[in-house]
C-alpha atoms as a PDB file:
ATOM      1  CA  UNK A   1      85.375  92.231 107.561  1.00  0.00           C
ATOM      2  CA  UNK A   2      88.246  93.142 106.119  1.00  0.00           C
ATOM      3  CA  UNK A   3      91.361  92.849 108.795  1.00  0.00           C
ATOM      4  CA  UNK A   4      94.570  93.811 106.740  1.00  0.00           C
ATOM      5  CA  UNK A   5      98.042  92.874 108.180  1.00  0.00           C
ATOM      6  CA  UNK A   6      99.880  95.752 110.269  1.00  0.00           C
ATOM      7  CA  UNK A   7     102.353  95.882 107.476  1.00  0.00           C
ATOM      8  CA  UNK A   8      99.935  96.166 105.201  1.00  0.00           C
ATOM      9  CA  UNK A   9      97.950  99.030 107.142  1.00  0.00           C
ATOM     10  CA  UNK A  10     100.962 100.568 106.944  1.00  0.00           C
ATOM     11  CA  UNK A  11     101.891 100.479 103.364  1.00  0.00           C
ATOM     12  CA  UNK A  12      98.602 102.487 103.114  1.00  0.00           C
ATOM     13  CA  UNK A  13      99.324 104.383 105.541  1.00  0.00           C
ATOM     14  CA  UNK A  14     102.165 105.507 102.940  1.00  0.00           C
ATOM     15  CA  UNK A  15     100.511 105.348 100.076  1.00  0.00           C
ATOM     16  CA  UNK A  16      98.360 107.706 101.434  1.00  0.00           C
ATOM     17  CA  UNK A  17     100.205 110.186 102.664  1.00  0.00           C
ATOM     18  CA  UNK A  18     102.103 110.389  99.799  1.00  0.00           C
ATOM     19  CA  UNK A  19      99.368 111.013  97.924  1.00  0.00           C
ATOM     20  CA  UNK A  20     100.158 112.094  94.343  1.00  0.00           C
ATOM     21  CA  UNK A  21     104.093 110.874  95.115  1.00  0.00           C
ATOM     22  CA  UNK A  22     103.655 107.727  96.126  1.00  0.00           C
ATOM     23  CA  UNK A  23     106.449 105.286  93.353  1.00  0.00           C
ATOM     24  CA  UNK A  24     108.219 102.586  95.138  1.00  0.00           C
ATOM     25  CA  UNK A  25     111.048 104.960  96.047  1.00  0.00           C
ATOM     26  CA  UNK A  26     109.063 107.062  97.689  1.00  0.00           C
ATOM     27  CA  UNK A  27     107.302 104.205  99.838  1.00  0.00           C
ATOM     28  CA  UNK A  28     110.138 102.696 101.065  1.00  0.00           C
ATOM     29  CA  UNK A  29     111.348 106.224 102.409  1.00  0.00           C
ATOM     30  CA  UNK A  30     108.563 106.668 104.155  1.00  0.00           C
ATOM     31  CA  UNK A  31     108.372 103.361 105.579  1.00  0.00           C
ATOM     32  CA  UNK A  32     112.033 103.654 106.568  1.00  0.00           C
ATOM     33  CA  UNK A  33     111.035 106.824 108.597  1.00  0.00           C
ATOM     34  CA  UNK A  34     108.402 105.660 109.943  1.00  0.00           C
ATOM     35  CA  UNK A  35     109.629 102.148 111.447  1.00  0.00           C
ATOM     36  CA  UNK A  36     113.728 102.775 112.005  1.00  0.00           C
ATOM     37  CA  UNK A  37     113.756 100.182 109.592  1.00  0.00           C
ATOM     38  CA  UNK A  38     115.844 100.547 106.270  1.00  0.00           C
ATOM     39  CA  UNK A  39     113.542  99.881 103.704  1.00  0.00           C
ATOM     40  CA  UNK A  40     115.007  99.119 100.409  1.00  0.00           C
ATOM     41  CA  UNK A  41     113.227 100.440  97.559  1.00  0.00           C
ATOM     42  CA  UNK A  42     113.040  96.160  95.780  1.00  0.00           C
ATOM     43  CA  UNK A  43     111.204  94.968  99.144  1.00  0.00           C
ATOM     44  CA  UNK A  44     108.323  96.993  98.136  1.00  0.00           C
ATOM     45  CA  UNK A  45     107.073  95.881  95.369  1.00  0.00           C
ATOM     46  CA  UNK A  46     106.086  92.332  96.326  1.00  0.00           C
ATOM     47  CA  UNK A  47     103.676  94.047  99.013  1.00  0.00           C
ATOM     48  CA  UNK A  48     102.420  96.978  96.456  1.00  0.00           C
ATOM     49  CA  UNK A  49     101.014  94.436  94.483  1.00  0.00           C
ATOM     50  CA  UNK A  50      99.768  91.671  97.299  1.00  0.00           C
ATOM     51  CA  UNK A  51      97.863  95.410  98.350  1.00  0.00           C
ATOM     52  CA  UNK A  52      96.675  96.529  94.601  1.00  0.00           C
ATOM     53  CA  UNK A  53      95.390  92.490  93.783  1.00  0.00           C
ATOM     54  CA  UNK A  54      93.420  93.111  96.834  1.00  0.00           C
ATOM     55  CA  UNK A  55      92.327  95.737  96.003  1.00  0.00           C
ATOM     56  CA  UNK A  56      93.231  98.057  98.059  1.00  0.00           C
ATOM     57  CA  UNK A  57      95.652 100.355  95.751  1.00  0.00           C
ATOM     58  CA  UNK A  58      95.232 100.916  91.862  1.00  0.00           C
ATOM     59  CA  UNK A  59      98.601 101.950  90.016  1.00  0.00           C
ATOM     60  CA  UNK A  60      99.202 103.813  86.910  1.00  0.00           C
ATOM     61  CA  UNK A  61     102.598 105.397  85.220  1.00  0.00           C
ATOM     62  CA  UNK A  62     102.685 109.220  84.847  1.00  0.00           C
ATOM     63  CA  UNK A  63     104.182 111.015  81.854  1.00  0.00           C
ATOM     64  CA  UNK A  64     107.879 110.557  81.240  1.00  0.00           C
ATOM     65  CA  UNK A  65     110.182 112.196  83.691  1.00  0.00           C
ATOM     66  CA  UNK A  66     113.388 113.554  82.131  1.00  0.00           C
ATOM     67  CA  UNK A  67     114.882 113.137  85.646  1.00  0.00           C
ATOM     68  CA  UNK A  68     114.739 109.144  85.238  1.00  0.00           C
ATOM     69  CA  UNK A  69     116.109 108.999  81.106  1.00  0.00           C
ATOM     70  CA  UNK A  70     112.197 109.415  80.159  1.00  0.00           C
ATOM     71  CA  UNK A  71     111.180 106.534  82.023  1.00  0.00           C
ATOM     72  CA  UNK A  72     107.939 107.172  83.664  1.00  0.00           C
ATOM     73  CA  UNK A  73     107.126 105.848  87.143  1.00  0.00           C
ATOM     74  CA  UNK A  74     104.586 103.701  88.792  1.00  0.00           C
ATOM     75  CA  UNK A  75     102.332 105.268  91.283  1.00  0.00           C
ATOM     76  CA  UNK A  76     100.470 103.849  93.310  1.00  0.00           C
ATOM     77  CA  UNK A  77      96.763 105.384  95.051  1.00  0.00           C
ATOM     78  CA  UNK A  78      94.360 104.083  97.640  1.00  0.00           C
ATOM     79  CA  UNK A  79      91.314 103.196  96.677  1.00  0.00           C
ATOM     80  CA  UNK A  80      87.762 103.536  98.358  1.00  0.00           C
ATOM     81  CA  UNK A  81      87.673  99.507  99.534  1.00  0.00           C
ATOM     82  CA  UNK A  82      91.629 100.132 101.290  1.00  0.00           C
ATOM     83  CA  UNK A  83      90.559 103.743 102.529  1.00  0.00           C
ATOM     84  CA  UNK A  84      87.522 101.694 103.836  1.00  0.00           C
ATOM     85  CA  UNK A  85      89.767  99.187 105.044  1.00  0.00           C
ATOM     86  CA  UNK A  86      91.601 101.680 107.668  1.00  0.00           C
ATOM     87  CA  UNK A  87      88.789 102.637 108.825  1.00  0.00           C
ATOM     88  CA  UNK A  88      87.800  99.115 110.060  1.00  0.00           C
ATOM     89  CA  UNK A  89      91.520  98.794 111.251  1.00  0.00           C
ATOM     90  CA  UNK A  90      91.899 101.942 113.116  1.00  0.00           C
ATOM     91  CA  UNK A  91      87.943 100.625 114.710  1.00  0.00           C
ATOM     92  CA  UNK A  92      89.918  97.404 115.484  1.00  0.00           C
ATOM     93  CA  UNK A  93      92.357  99.155 117.394  1.00  0.00           C
ATOM     94  CA  UNK A  94      90.648 101.635 118.831  1.00  0.00           C
ATOM     95  CA  UNK A  95      88.510  98.954 121.070  1.00  0.00           C
ATOM     96  CA  UNK A  96      90.995  97.338 121.915  1.00  0.00           C
ATOM     97  CA  UNK A  97      93.404  99.194 122.877  1.00  0.00           C
ATOM     98  CA  UNK A  98      90.101 101.642 124.695  1.00  0.00           C
ATOM     99  CA  UNK A  99      90.846 101.896 128.855  1.00  0.00           C
ATOM    100  CA  UNK A 100      94.434 101.230 128.330  1.00  0.00           C
ATOM    101  CA  UNK A 101      97.073 103.294 129.508  1.00  0.00           C
ATOM    102  CA  UNK A 102     100.225 104.699 128.520  1.00  0.00           C
ATOM    103  CA  UNK A 103     100.530 104.881 132.096  1.00  0.00           C
ATOM    104  CA  UNK A 104      99.575 101.596 132.951  1.00  0.00           C
ATOM    105  CA  UNK A 105     101.406 100.147 129.661  1.00  0.00           C
ATOM    106  CA  UNK A 106     104.539 101.575 131.073  1.00  0.00           C
ATOM    107  CA  UNK A 107     103.860  99.688 134.308  1.00  0.00           C
ATOM    108  CA  UNK A 108     102.934  96.550 134.506  1.00  0.00           C
ATOM    109  CA  UNK A 109      99.531  97.259 135.758  1.00  0.00           C
ATOM    110  CA  UNK A 110      96.646  96.684 134.426  1.00  0.00           C
ATOM    111  CA  UNK A 111      93.982  98.578 134.249  1.00  0.00           C
ATOM    112  CA  UNK A 112      90.446  96.060 134.863  1.00  0.00           C
END
């Protein structure tokens, strides 16, 4: 079983949602949009590197981009291992949350 941290899950989902446009700036922007916490580009590279070392992500360089002064972008894509880990964590979360309604949480009442 590959249990992901919440941060790893967020990063993998951001990369998956961004598809072919997943690179540092867009990943930071997606995380900011999703979490309402300001993520700067420098904060995303260490977690991305860790996820790549674990085999959840793979990176590659784009063709040179004129807007970047001819430099390439380092793009990220989710691997099969990363997708499997997301499916597994979603299954675990569904199991844990089973039979718990938002109403009971909001009112502080247990449903068991």
